[in-house]
Amino acid sequence: MNESDRQLIQLAVEGNQKAYEELLRKYRGIIYHLIYKMVGNREETEDLVQETFVKAFNSLSSFKEEFAFSTWLYKIATNHTIDLLRKRRLQTYSLDEPVRTKEGEVHREYPDEKFSPEKALLTHESTEIILKAIETLPEKYRTIITLRHSEDRSYEEIGTILQIPIGTVKARLFRARELLKKELKKRGM
């Protein structure tokens, strides 16, 4: 776990609201993306993201520092979303029973293409590899990748935050992506 997260978590456990806000700002985009891939609905995703952070912050004192904070947060988000999906089960029909029509009976199968635990696990593992690769980037590239892809900031917003011209934002983002591709290639992705 990086030192910045360690400090933020300690301050948050002590009740520092700014630390909570910083952790939320830092990880909200990544958690949103993970949950959205599982449920495919923006409104529902927003609710689940908020509920995930409420659960995480309520049990922050039980967080063990030997693990990455992001991994712990992903586990909470994934488990909470899976619980919701289980509760939301739709009315099902037996695939073994034929469908009766005017012309007779038809035997059909209906694939469930929505949620797959295997896909969720692979997505989680891929995200972890990508996050670790991002952590290896120099600070200025790590920051720009995070602002653009984790927080969905526009070039203009990034330029304002970092106090650099838009051209520099684009150039750094291009370089950051190139470095990230090399790092991911080394990691087998």
N, C-alpha and C. Protein backbone atom coordinates (compact mmCIF):
# COMPACT_ATOMS: atom_id res chain seq x y z
N MET A 1 0.85 -1.17 0.00
CA MET A 1 0.00 0.00 0.00
C MET A 1 0.90 1.24 0.00
N ASN A 2 0.53 2.23 -0.81
CA ASN A 2 1.37 3.41 -0.87
C ASN A 2 1.16 4.30 0.36
N GLU A 3 2.16 5.13 0.61
CA GLU A 3 2.19 5.96 1.81
C GLU A 3 1.03 6.95 1.84
N SER A 4 0.67 7.48 0.68
CA SER A 4 -0.42 8.45 0.60
C SER A 4 -1.73 7.83 1.10
N ASP A 5 -2.03 6.62 0.63
CA ASP A 5 -3.25 5.93 1.08
C ASP A 5 -3.18 5.63 2.57
N ARG A 6 -2.03 5.20 3.03
CA ARG A 6 -1.87 4.86 4.45
C ARG A 6 -2.20 6.09 5.31
N GLN A 7 -1.68 7.23 4.92
CA GLN A 7 -1.93 8.45 5.68
C GLN A 7 -3.40 8.85 5.62
N LEU A 8 -3.99 8.78 4.42
CA LEU A 8 -5.40 9.14 4.27
C LEU A 8 -6.30 8.23 5.10
N ILE A 9 -6.00 6.94 5.10
CA ILE A 9 -6.81 5.99 5.86
C ILE A 9 -6.70 6.28 7.35
N GLN A 10 -5.47 6.54 7.81
CA GLN A 10 -5.29 6.85 9.23
C GLN A 10 -6.08 8.09 9.63
N LEU A 11 -5.99 9.14 8.79
CA LEU A 11 -6.73 10.37 9.08
C LEU A 11 -8.25 10.12 9.04
N ALA A 12 -8.69 9.33 8.08
CA ALA A 12 -10.12 9.04 7.97
C ALA A 12 -10.62 8.27 9.18
N VAL A 13 -9.84 7.31 9.65
CA VAL A 13 -10.22 6.54 10.84
C VAL A 13 -10.34 7.47 12.05
N GLU A 14 -9.50 8.51 12.06
CA GLU A 14 -9.54 9.48 13.15
C GLU A 14 -10.68 10.48 12.98
N GLY A 15 -11.44 10.38 11.87
CA GLY A 15 -12.60 11.24 11.68
C GLY A 15 -12.38 12.44 10.79
N ASN A 16 -11.25 12.51 10.10
CA ASN A 16 -10.95 13.63 9.22
C ASN A 16 -11.78 13.54 7.94
N GLN A 17 -12.72 14.45 7.77
CA GLN A 17 -13.65 14.43 6.63
C GLN A 17 -12.92 14.64 5.30
N LYS A 18 -11.89 15.49 5.30
CA LYS A 18 -11.12 15.75 4.07
C LYS A 18 -10.44 14.47 3.57
N ALA A 19 -9.99 13.64 4.50
CA ALA A 19 -9.35 12.38 4.13
C ALA A 19 -10.37 11.44 3.48
N TYR A 20 -11.58 11.40 4.05
CA TYR A 20 -12.66 10.60 3.43
C TYR A 20 -12.90 11.09 2.01
N GLU A 21 -13.02 12.38 1.86
CA GLU A 21 -13.30 12.97 0.55
C GLU A 21 -12.19 12.66 -0.45
N GLU A 22 -10.95 12.70 0.00
CA GLU A 22 -9.82 12.42 -0.89
C GLU A 22 -9.82 10.95 -1.32
N LEU A 23 -10.10 10.05 -0.40
CA LEU A 23 -10.18 8.62 -0.76
C LEU A 23 -11.32 8.40 -1.74
N LEU A 24 -12.44 9.04 -1.50
CA LEU A 24 -13.59 8.92 -2.40
C LEU A 24 -13.23 9.45 -3.78
N ARG A 25 -12.61 10.62 -3.83
CA ARG A 25 -12.23 11.22 -5.11
C ARG A 25 -11.23 10.32 -5.86
N LYS A 26 -10.30 9.78 -5.12
CA LYS A 26 -9.24 8.97 -5.72
C LYS A 26 -9.75 7.65 -6.32
N TYR A 27 -10.71 7.02 -5.65
CA TYR A 27 -11.13 5.67 -6.06
C TYR A 27 -12.53 5.60 -6.66
N ARG A 28 -13.28 6.67 -6.67
CA ARG A 28 -14.65 6.64 -7.15
C ARG A 28 -14.76 6.19 -8.61
N GLY A 29 -13.93 6.75 -9.47
CA GLY A 29 -14.00 6.42 -10.90
C GLY A 29 -13.74 4.94 -11.17
N ILE A 30 -12.76 4.39 -10.49
CA ILE A 30 -12.40 2.98 -10.71
C ILE A 30 -13.53 2.07 -10.22
N ILE A 31 -14.08 2.39 -9.06
CA ILE A 31 -15.17 1.58 -8.50
C ILE A 31 -16.41 1.71 -9.39
N TYR A 32 -16.69 2.91 -9.87
CA TYR A 32 -17.83 3.13 -10.75
C TYR A 32 -17.70 2.22 -11.99
N HIS A 33 -16.52 2.22 -12.60
CA HIS A 33 -16.28 1.43 -13.81
C HIS A 33 -16.49 -0.07 -13.53
N LEU A 34 -15.95 -0.54 -12.42
CA LEU A 34 -16.09 -1.96 -12.05
C LEU A 34 -17.57 -2.34 -11.90
N ILE A 35 -18.32 -1.54 -11.15
CA ILE A 35 -19.73 -1.86 -10.90
C ILE A 35 -20.56 -1.72 -12.16
N TYR A 36 -20.28 -0.69 -12.96
CA TYR A 36 -21.04 -0.49 -14.19
C TYR A 36 -20.90 -1.69 -15.12
N LYS A 37 -19.71 -2.26 -15.19
CA LYS A 37 -19.50 -3.45 -16.03
C LYS A 37 -20.35 -4.63 -15.55
N MET A 38 -20.65 -4.65 -14.25
CA MET A 38 -21.42 -5.75 -13.70
C MET A 38 -22.92 -5.55 -13.87
N VAL A 39 -23.41 -4.31 -13.74
CA VAL A 39 -24.86 -4.09 -13.76
C VAL A 39 -25.37 -3.42 -15.03
N GLY A 40 -24.51 -2.64 -15.72
CA GLY A 40 -24.89 -2.05 -17.00
C GLY A 40 -25.95 -0.97 -16.93
N ASN A 41 -26.16 -0.36 -15.77
CA ASN A 41 -27.17 0.67 -15.61
C ASN A 41 -26.57 1.80 -14.79
N ARG A 42 -26.57 3.02 -15.37
CA ARG A 42 -25.89 4.16 -14.72
C ARG A 42 -26.49 4.54 -13.37
N GLU A 43 -27.82 4.62 -13.29
CA GLU A 43 -28.45 5.01 -12.03
C GLU A 43 -28.18 3.98 -10.93
N GLU A 44 -28.32 2.72 -11.29
CA GLU A 44 -28.07 1.66 -10.33
C GLU A 44 -26.59 1.66 -9.91
N THR A 45 -25.72 1.93 -10.87
CA THR A 45 -24.29 1.98 -10.57
C THR A 45 -24.00 3.10 -9.58
N GLU A 46 -24.59 4.28 -9.80
CA GLU A 46 -24.38 5.41 -8.89
C GLU A 46 -24.76 5.02 -7.46
N ASP A 47 -25.93 4.38 -7.32
CA ASP A 47 -26.38 3.94 -5.99
C ASP A 47 -25.40 2.94 -5.37
N LEU A 48 -24.97 1.98 -6.17
CA LEU A 48 -24.07 0.95 -5.66
C LEU A 48 -22.71 1.53 -5.28
N VAL A 49 -22.22 2.50 -6.04
CA VAL A 49 -20.95 3.13 -5.71
C VAL A 49 -21.07 3.83 -4.36
N GLN A 50 -22.14 4.56 -4.19
CA GLN A 50 -22.34 5.27 -2.92
C GLN A 50 -22.44 4.27 -1.76
N GLU A 51 -23.22 3.22 -1.95
CA GLU A 51 -23.36 2.21 -0.90
C GLU A 51 -22.03 1.52 -0.60
N THR A 52 -21.22 1.29 -1.64
CA THR A 52 -19.91 0.67 -1.45
C THR A 52 -19.03 1.53 -0.56
N PHE A 53 -18.99 2.83 -0.86
CA PHE A 53 -18.15 3.71 -0.05
C PHE A 53 -18.69 3.86 1.38
N VAL A 54 -19.98 3.85 1.54
CA VAL A 54 -20.55 3.90 2.90
C VAL A 54 -20.10 2.67 3.68
N LYS A 55 -20.23 1.48 3.05
CA LYS A 55 -19.80 0.25 3.71
C LYS A 55 -18.31 0.29 4.03
N ALA A 56 -17.52 0.74 3.05
CA ALA A 56 -16.06 0.78 3.25
C ALA A 56 -15.69 1.72 4.39
N PHE A 57 -16.27 2.92 4.39
CA PHE A 57 -15.92 3.89 5.41
C PHE A 57 -16.40 3.46 6.80
N ASN A 58 -17.52 2.74 6.84
CA ASN A 58 -18.02 2.25 8.13
C ASN A 58 -17.12 1.16 8.71
N SER A 59 -16.40 0.45 7.85
CA SER A 59 -15.53 -0.61 8.36
C SER A 59 -14.05 -0.31 8.11
N LEU A 60 -13.74 0.95 7.88
CA LEU A 60 -12.36 1.36 7.59
C LEU A 60 -11.39 1.00 8.72
N SER A 61 -11.85 1.02 9.93
CA SER A 61 -10.97 0.69 11.06
C SER A 61 -10.54 -0.77 11.04
N SER A 62 -11.27 -1.62 10.32
CA SER A 62 -10.90 -3.04 10.25
C SER A 62 -9.99 -3.34 9.05
N PHE A 63 -9.68 -2.32 8.25
CA PHE A 63 -8.80 -2.51 7.08
C PHE A 63 -7.40 -2.91 7.54
N LYS A 64 -6.84 -3.92 6.89
CA LYS A 64 -5.51 -4.40 7.23
C LYS A 64 -4.51 -3.85 6.22
N GLU A 65 -3.48 -3.16 6.72
CA GLU A 65 -2.55 -2.43 5.88
C GLU A 65 -1.67 -3.32 5.00
N GLU A 66 -1.60 -4.62 5.26
CA GLU A 66 -0.76 -5.46 4.41
C GLU A 66 -1.38 -5.66 3.02
N PHE A 67 -2.64 -5.28 2.86
CA PHE A 67 -3.31 -5.39 1.56
C PHE A 67 -3.42 -4.01 0.93
N ALA A 68 -3.55 -3.99 -0.40
CA ALA A 68 -3.77 -2.72 -1.09
C ALA A 68 -5.19 -2.23 -0.78
N PHE A 69 -5.33 -0.96 -0.54
CA PHE A 69 -6.64 -0.39 -0.25
C PHE A 69 -7.59 -0.63 -1.42
N SER A 70 -7.07 -0.50 -2.65
CA SER A 70 -7.91 -0.68 -3.84
C SER A 70 -8.47 -2.10 -3.90
N THR A 71 -7.67 -3.10 -3.55
CA THR A 71 -8.13 -4.49 -3.56
C THR A 71 -9.26 -4.68 -2.55
N TRP A 72 -9.07 -4.13 -1.38
CA TRP A 72 -10.09 -4.22 -0.32
C TRP A 72 -11.39 -3.55 -0.79
N LEU A 73 -11.26 -2.39 -1.41
CA LEU A 73 -12.42 -1.66 -1.91
C LEU A 73 -13.11 -2.42 -3.04
N TYR A 74 -12.32 -3.02 -3.95
CA TYR A 74 -12.90 -3.83 -5.04
C TYR A 74 -13.70 -4.99 -4.49
N LYS A 75 -13.17 -5.62 -3.45
CA LYS A 75 -13.87 -6.78 -2.86
C LYS A 75 -15.23 -6.34 -2.29
N ILE A 76 -15.25 -5.22 -1.60
CA ILE A 76 -16.50 -4.71 -1.05
C ILE A 76 -17.48 -4.41 -2.19
N ALA A 77 -17.00 -3.72 -3.22
CA ALA A 77 -17.86 -3.34 -4.35
C ALA A 77 -18.40 -4.58 -5.06
N THR A 78 -17.53 -5.54 -5.32
CA THR A 78 -17.94 -6.75 -6.03
C THR A 78 -18.96 -7.55 -5.22
N ASN A 79 -18.67 -7.76 -3.95
CA ASN A 79 -19.59 -8.52 -3.10
C ASN A 79 -20.94 -7.83 -2.96
N HIS A 80 -20.92 -6.52 -2.78
CA HIS A 80 -22.17 -5.77 -2.63
C HIS A 80 -23.00 -5.86 -3.92
N THR A 81 -22.34 -5.74 -5.06
CA THR A 81 -23.04 -5.81 -6.35
C THR A 81 -23.58 -7.21 -6.60
N ILE A 82 -22.82 -8.22 -6.28
CA ILE A 82 -23.29 -9.60 -6.45
C ILE A 82 -24.50 -9.85 -5.56
N ASP A 83 -24.48 -9.34 -4.33
CA ASP A 83 -25.64 -9.48 -3.45
C ASP A 83 -26.88 -8.87 -4.08
N LEU A 84 -26.73 -7.68 -4.66
CA LEU A 84 -27.87 -7.03 -5.31
C LEU A 84 -28.37 -7.87 -6.48
N LEU A 85 -27.45 -8.39 -7.28
CA LEU A 85 -27.86 -9.19 -8.44
C LEU A 85 -28.59 -10.45 -8.01
N ARG A 86 -28.18 -11.04 -6.91
CA ARG A 86 -28.87 -12.24 -6.40
C ARG A 86 -30.30 -11.90 -5.96
N LYS A 87 -30.45 -10.76 -5.29
CA LYS A 87 -31.77 -10.35 -4.81
C LYS A 87 -32.71 -9.98 -5.95
N ARG A 88 -32.14 -9.57 -7.04
CA ARG A 88 -32.93 -9.05 -8.16
C ARG A 88 -33.33 -10.14 -9.16
N ARG A 89 -33.12 -11.36 -8.85
CA ARG A 89 -33.41 -12.43 -9.81
C ARG A 89 -34.79 -12.29 -10.42
N LEU A 90 -34.81 -12.46 -11.71
CA LEU A 90 -36.07 -12.36 -12.44
C LEU A 90 -36.80 -13.69 -12.42
N GLN A 91 -38.06 -13.64 -12.80
CA GLN A 91 -38.82 -14.88 -12.91
C GLN A 91 -38.16 -15.75 -13.97
N THR A 92 -37.94 -17.00 -13.65
CA THR A 92 -37.24 -17.88 -14.58
C THR A 92 -38.17 -18.99 -15.06
N TYR A 93 -37.82 -19.54 -16.17
CA TYR A 93 -38.55 -20.66 -16.75
C TYR A 93 -37.58 -21.80 -16.94
N SER A 94 -38.07 -22.98 -16.81
CA SER A 94 -37.24 -24.15 -16.98
C SER A 94 -36.81 -24.27 -18.44
N LEU A 95 -35.54 -24.50 -18.63
CA LEU A 95 -35.05 -24.72 -19.99
C LEU A 95 -35.41 -26.12 -20.47
N ASP A 96 -35.73 -26.99 -19.53
CA ASP A 96 -36.11 -28.35 -19.89
C ASP A 96 -37.55 -28.44 -20.39
N GLU A 97 -38.39 -27.51 -19.97
CA GLU A 97 -39.80 -27.51 -20.36
C GLU A 97 -39.95 -26.91 -21.76
N PRO A 98 -40.68 -27.53 -22.62
CA PRO A 98 -40.87 -26.95 -23.95
C PRO A 98 -41.85 -25.75 -23.89
N VAL A 99 -41.71 -24.84 -24.85
CA VAL A 99 -42.61 -23.70 -24.98
C VAL A 99 -43.75 -24.14 -25.90
N ARG A 100 -44.99 -23.94 -25.45
CA ARG A 100 -46.14 -24.35 -26.25
C ARG A 100 -46.57 -23.22 -27.18
N THR A 101 -46.72 -23.55 -28.43
CA THR A 101 -47.19 -22.59 -29.43
C THR A 101 -48.37 -23.21 -30.17
N LYS A 102 -48.97 -22.46 -31.09
CA LYS A 102 -50.08 -22.98 -31.89
C LYS A 102 -49.65 -24.17 -32.74
N GLU A 103 -48.40 -24.11 -33.16
CA GLU A 103 -47.89 -25.19 -34.03
C GLU A 103 -47.40 -26.40 -33.26
N GLY A 104 -47.33 -26.31 -31.95
CA GLY A 104 -46.83 -27.43 -31.14
C GLY A 104 -45.89 -26.93 -30.07
N GLU A 105 -44.97 -27.80 -29.71
CA GLU A 105 -44.01 -27.45 -28.66
C GLU A 105 -42.65 -27.16 -29.27
N VAL A 106 -41.98 -26.17 -28.69
CA VAL A 106 -40.65 -25.79 -29.15
C VAL A 106 -39.70 -25.90 -27.96
N HIS A 107 -38.60 -26.59 -28.21
CA HIS A 107 -37.56 -26.70 -27.18
C HIS A 107 -36.51 -25.64 -27.47
N ARG A 108 -36.30 -24.75 -26.47
CA ARG A 108 -35.34 -23.66 -26.66
C ARG A 108 -34.47 -23.51 -25.42
N GLU A 109 -33.32 -22.91 -25.64
CA GLU A 109 -32.44 -22.56 -24.53
C GLU A 109 -32.19 -21.06 -24.60
N TYR A 110 -32.11 -20.44 -23.45
CA TYR A 110 -31.90 -19.00 -23.36
C TYR A 110 -30.60 -18.75 -22.59
N PRO A 111 -29.57 -18.29 -23.27
CA PRO A 111 -28.31 -18.05 -22.56
C PRO A 111 -28.40 -16.82 -21.67
N ASP A 112 -27.75 -16.89 -20.54
CA ASP A 112 -27.65 -15.75 -19.64
C ASP A 112 -26.36 -15.02 -19.99
N GLU A 113 -26.48 -13.90 -20.66
CA GLU A 113 -25.30 -13.18 -21.13
C GLU A 113 -24.96 -11.97 -20.28
N LYS A 114 -25.69 -11.77 -19.19
CA LYS A 114 -25.46 -10.57 -18.38
C LYS A 114 -24.22 -10.72 -17.50
N PHE A 115 -24.35 -11.36 -16.37
CA PHE A 115 -23.26 -11.42 -15.41
C PHE A 115 -22.59 -12.78 -15.43
N SER A 116 -21.29 -12.77 -15.38
CA SER A 116 -20.52 -13.99 -15.31
C SER A 116 -19.47 -13.83 -14.21
N PRO A 117 -19.49 -14.68 -13.20
CA PRO A 117 -18.47 -14.57 -12.15
C PRO A 117 -17.05 -14.67 -12.71
N GLU A 118 -16.88 -15.49 -13.74
CA GLU A 118 -15.56 -15.63 -14.35
C GLU A 118 -15.11 -14.32 -14.97
N LYS A 119 -16.04 -13.66 -15.70
CA LYS A 119 -15.70 -12.38 -16.32
C LYS A 119 -15.42 -11.33 -15.25
N ALA A 120 -16.20 -11.33 -14.19
CA ALA A 120 -15.98 -10.36 -13.11
C ALA A 120 -14.61 -10.57 -12.47
N LEU A 121 -14.22 -11.82 -12.26
CA LEU A 121 -12.92 -12.12 -11.67
C LEU A 121 -11.81 -11.69 -12.61
N LEU A 122 -11.94 -12.01 -13.90
CA LEU A 122 -10.93 -11.61 -14.88
C LEU A 122 -10.82 -10.09 -14.97
N THR A 123 -11.96 -9.41 -14.94
CA THR A 123 -11.96 -7.96 -14.98
C THR A 123 -11.25 -7.41 -13.76
N HIS A 124 -11.55 -7.99 -12.60
CA HIS A 124 -10.91 -7.55 -11.36
C HIS A 124 -9.40 -7.76 -11.43
N GLU A 125 -8.98 -8.95 -11.87
CA GLU A 125 -7.55 -9.25 -11.95
C GLU A 125 -6.86 -8.33 -12.95
N SER A 126 -7.50 -8.10 -14.10
CA SER A 126 -6.93 -7.20 -15.10
C SER A 126 -6.80 -5.79 -14.55
N THR A 127 -7.82 -5.34 -13.84
CA THR A 127 -7.78 -4.01 -13.25
C THR A 127 -6.65 -3.90 -12.25
N GLU A 128 -6.43 -4.93 -11.45
CA GLU A 128 -5.33 -4.92 -10.49
C GLU A 128 -3.98 -4.82 -11.19
N ILE A 129 -3.81 -5.56 -12.27
CA ILE A 129 -2.55 -5.51 -13.02
C ILE A 129 -2.35 -4.12 -13.60
N ILE A 130 -3.41 -3.55 -14.14
CA ILE A 130 -3.31 -2.21 -14.72
C ILE A 130 -2.97 -1.18 -13.65
N LEU A 131 -3.64 -1.27 -12.49
CA LEU A 131 -3.36 -0.32 -11.41
C LEU A 131 -1.92 -0.43 -10.92
N LYS A 132 -1.42 -1.65 -10.81
CA LYS A 132 -0.03 -1.84 -10.40
C LYS A 132 0.93 -1.27 -11.45
N ALA A 133 0.59 -1.45 -12.73
CA ALA A 133 1.41 -0.90 -13.80
C ALA A 133 1.39 0.62 -13.76
N ILE A 134 0.24 1.20 -13.49
CA ILE A 134 0.14 2.67 -13.39
C ILE A 134 1.01 3.17 -12.24
N GLU A 135 1.04 2.44 -11.15
CA GLU A 135 1.85 2.84 -9.99
C GLU A 135 3.34 2.92 -10.33
N THR A 136 3.80 2.19 -11.36
CA THR A 136 5.22 2.22 -11.73
C THR A 136 5.57 3.43 -12.57
N LEU A 137 4.57 4.13 -13.10
CA LEU A 137 4.85 5.29 -13.96
C LEU A 137 5.41 6.45 -13.14
N PRO A 138 6.24 7.28 -13.78
CA PRO A 138 6.67 8.51 -13.09
C PRO A 138 5.44 9.33 -12.68
N GLU A 139 5.59 10.11 -11.63
CA GLU A 139 4.48 10.85 -11.01
C GLU A 139 3.65 11.64 -12.01
N LYS A 140 4.30 12.42 -12.90
CA LYS A 140 3.54 13.28 -13.80
C LYS A 140 2.69 12.46 -14.78
N TYR A 141 3.15 11.27 -15.15
CA TYR A 141 2.37 10.42 -16.05
C TYR A 141 1.27 9.67 -15.30
N ARG A 142 1.61 9.23 -14.09
CA ARG A 142 0.62 8.54 -13.26
C ARG A 142 -0.56 9.48 -12.95
N THR A 143 -0.24 10.72 -12.65
CA THR A 143 -1.28 11.71 -12.33
C THR A 143 -2.18 11.95 -13.53
N ILE A 144 -1.59 12.13 -14.69
CA ILE A 144 -2.39 12.46 -15.87
C ILE A 144 -3.26 11.28 -16.31
N ILE A 145 -2.74 10.06 -16.20
CA ILE A 145 -3.54 8.86 -16.51
C ILE A 145 -4.72 8.76 -15.55
N THR A 146 -4.46 8.99 -14.28
CA THR A 146 -5.52 8.90 -13.26
C THR A 146 -6.60 9.94 -13.51
N LEU A 147 -6.18 11.18 -13.77
CA LEU A 147 -7.17 12.23 -14.01
C LEU A 147 -8.02 11.95 -15.24
N ARG A 148 -7.39 11.45 -16.29
CA ARG A 148 -8.13 11.23 -17.54
C ARG A 148 -8.98 9.97 -17.50
N HIS A 149 -8.42 8.87 -17.06
CA HIS A 149 -9.12 7.59 -17.20
C HIS A 149 -9.84 7.12 -15.94
N SER A 150 -9.35 7.46 -14.77
CA SER A 150 -10.04 7.04 -13.55
C SER A 150 -11.10 8.05 -13.15
N GLU A 151 -10.80 9.33 -13.37
CA GLU A 151 -11.73 10.37 -12.95
C GLU A 151 -12.51 10.98 -14.11
N ASP A 152 -12.26 10.51 -15.33
CA ASP A 152 -12.96 10.98 -16.53
C ASP A 152 -12.91 12.49 -16.68
N ARG A 153 -11.76 13.08 -16.42
CA ARG A 153 -11.60 14.53 -16.56
C ARG A 153 -11.32 14.89 -18.02
N SER A 154 -11.80 16.05 -18.45
CA SER A 154 -11.53 16.53 -19.81
C SER A 154 -10.11 17.09 -19.87
N TYR A 155 -9.60 17.29 -21.09
CA TYR A 155 -8.27 17.88 -21.25
C TYR A 155 -8.21 19.26 -20.59
N GLU A 156 -9.29 20.01 -20.74
CA GLU A 156 -9.34 21.35 -20.17
C GLU A 156 -9.26 21.28 -18.64
N GLU A 157 -10.02 20.38 -18.04
CA GLU A 157 -10.00 20.23 -16.58
C GLU A 157 -8.61 19.82 -16.10
N ILE A 158 -7.99 18.88 -16.82
CA ILE A 158 -6.66 18.42 -16.45
C ILE A 158 -5.66 19.58 -16.53
N GLY A 159 -5.75 20.36 -17.62
CA GLY A 159 -4.87 21.51 -17.78
C GLY A 159 -5.03 22.49 -16.63
N THR A 160 -6.27 22.72 -16.22
CA THR A 160 -6.53 23.65 -15.12
C THR A 160 -5.98 23.10 -13.80
N ILE A 161 -6.23 21.83 -13.53
CA ILE A 161 -5.77 21.20 -12.29
C ILE A 161 -4.24 21.22 -12.20
N LEU A 162 -3.58 20.85 -13.31
CA LEU A 162 -2.11 20.75 -13.30
C LEU A 162 -1.42 22.06 -13.69
N GLN A 163 -2.23 23.03 -14.09
CA GLN A 163 -1.72 24.33 -14.52
C GLN A 163 -0.71 24.19 -15.66
N ILE A 164 -1.16 23.45 -16.69
CA ILE A 164 -0.35 23.28 -17.90
C ILE A 164 -1.26 23.47 -19.12
N PRO A 165 -0.68 23.82 -20.28
CA PRO A 165 -1.49 24.00 -21.50
C PRO A 165 -2.09 22.68 -21.98
N ILE A 166 -3.17 22.77 -22.74
CA ILE A 166 -3.86 21.57 -23.25
C ILE A 166 -2.91 20.75 -24.13
N GLY A 167 -2.08 21.40 -24.91
CA GLY A 167 -1.10 20.68 -25.74
C GLY A 167 -0.18 19.82 -24.90
N THR A 168 0.24 20.33 -23.77
CA THR A 168 1.10 19.56 -22.86
C THR A 168 0.32 18.41 -22.24
N VAL A 169 -0.95 18.65 -21.94
CA VAL A 169 -1.80 17.59 -21.41
C VAL A 169 -1.85 16.44 -22.41
N LYS A 170 -2.11 16.76 -23.68
CA LYS A 170 -2.21 15.72 -24.72
C LYS A 170 -0.89 14.99 -24.90
N ALA A 171 0.21 15.74 -24.91
CA ALA A 171 1.53 15.12 -25.09
C ALA A 171 1.86 14.19 -23.93
N ARG A 172 1.60 14.65 -22.70
CA ARG A 172 1.89 13.80 -21.53
C ARG A 172 0.99 12.57 -21.51
N LEU A 173 -0.25 12.75 -21.89
CA LEU A 173 -1.17 11.62 -21.91
C LEU A 173 -0.72 10.59 -22.93
N PHE A 174 -0.29 11.05 -24.10
CA PHE A 174 0.22 10.14 -25.13
C PHE A 174 1.42 9.37 -24.59
N ARG A 175 2.37 10.09 -23.99
CA ARG A 175 3.58 9.46 -23.45
C ARG A 175 3.23 8.49 -22.32
N ALA A 176 2.30 8.89 -21.47
CA ALA A 176 1.88 8.03 -20.35
C ALA A 176 1.28 6.73 -20.88
N ARG A 177 0.46 6.83 -21.91
CA ARG A 177 -0.15 5.62 -22.49
C ARG A 177 0.91 4.71 -23.09
N GLU A 178 1.91 5.31 -23.76
CA GLU A 178 2.98 4.51 -24.35
C GLU A 178 3.77 3.77 -23.26
N LEU A 179 4.10 4.48 -22.19
CA LEU A 179 4.82 3.84 -21.07
C LEU A 179 3.97 2.75 -20.43
N LEU A 180 2.68 3.01 -20.30
CA LEU A 180 1.78 2.04 -19.71
C LEU A 180 1.67 0.79 -20.59
N LYS A 181 1.59 0.98 -21.90
CA LYS A 181 1.53 -0.17 -22.81
C LYS A 181 2.78 -1.04 -22.65
N LYS A 182 3.95 -0.41 -22.57
CA LYS A 182 5.20 -1.18 -22.39
C LYS A 182 5.18 -1.95 -21.08
N GLU A 183 4.74 -1.28 -20.02
CA GLU A 183 4.70 -1.93 -18.71
C GLU A 183 3.71 -3.10 -18.71
N LEU A 184 2.56 -2.91 -19.33
CA LEU A 184 1.56 -3.98 -19.38
C LEU A 184 2.06 -5.15 -20.23
N LYS A 185 2.79 -4.83 -21.28
CA LYS A 185 3.35 -5.90 -22.14
C LYS A 185 4.33 -6.75 -21.32
N LYS A 186 5.14 -6.08 -20.47
CA LYS A 186 6.07 -6.81 -19.61
C LYS A 186 5.32 -7.73 -18.65
N ARG A 187 4.11 -7.32 -18.27
CA ARG A 187 3.30 -8.09 -17.31
C ARG A 187 2.40 -9.12 -18.00
N GLY A 188 2.56 -9.27 -19.31
CA GLY A 188 1.81 -10.30 -20.02
C GLY A 188 0.42 -9.91 -20.46
N MET A 189 0.16 -8.63 -20.55
CA MET A 189 -1.17 -8.18 -20.99
C MET A 189 -1.09 -7.57 -22.38
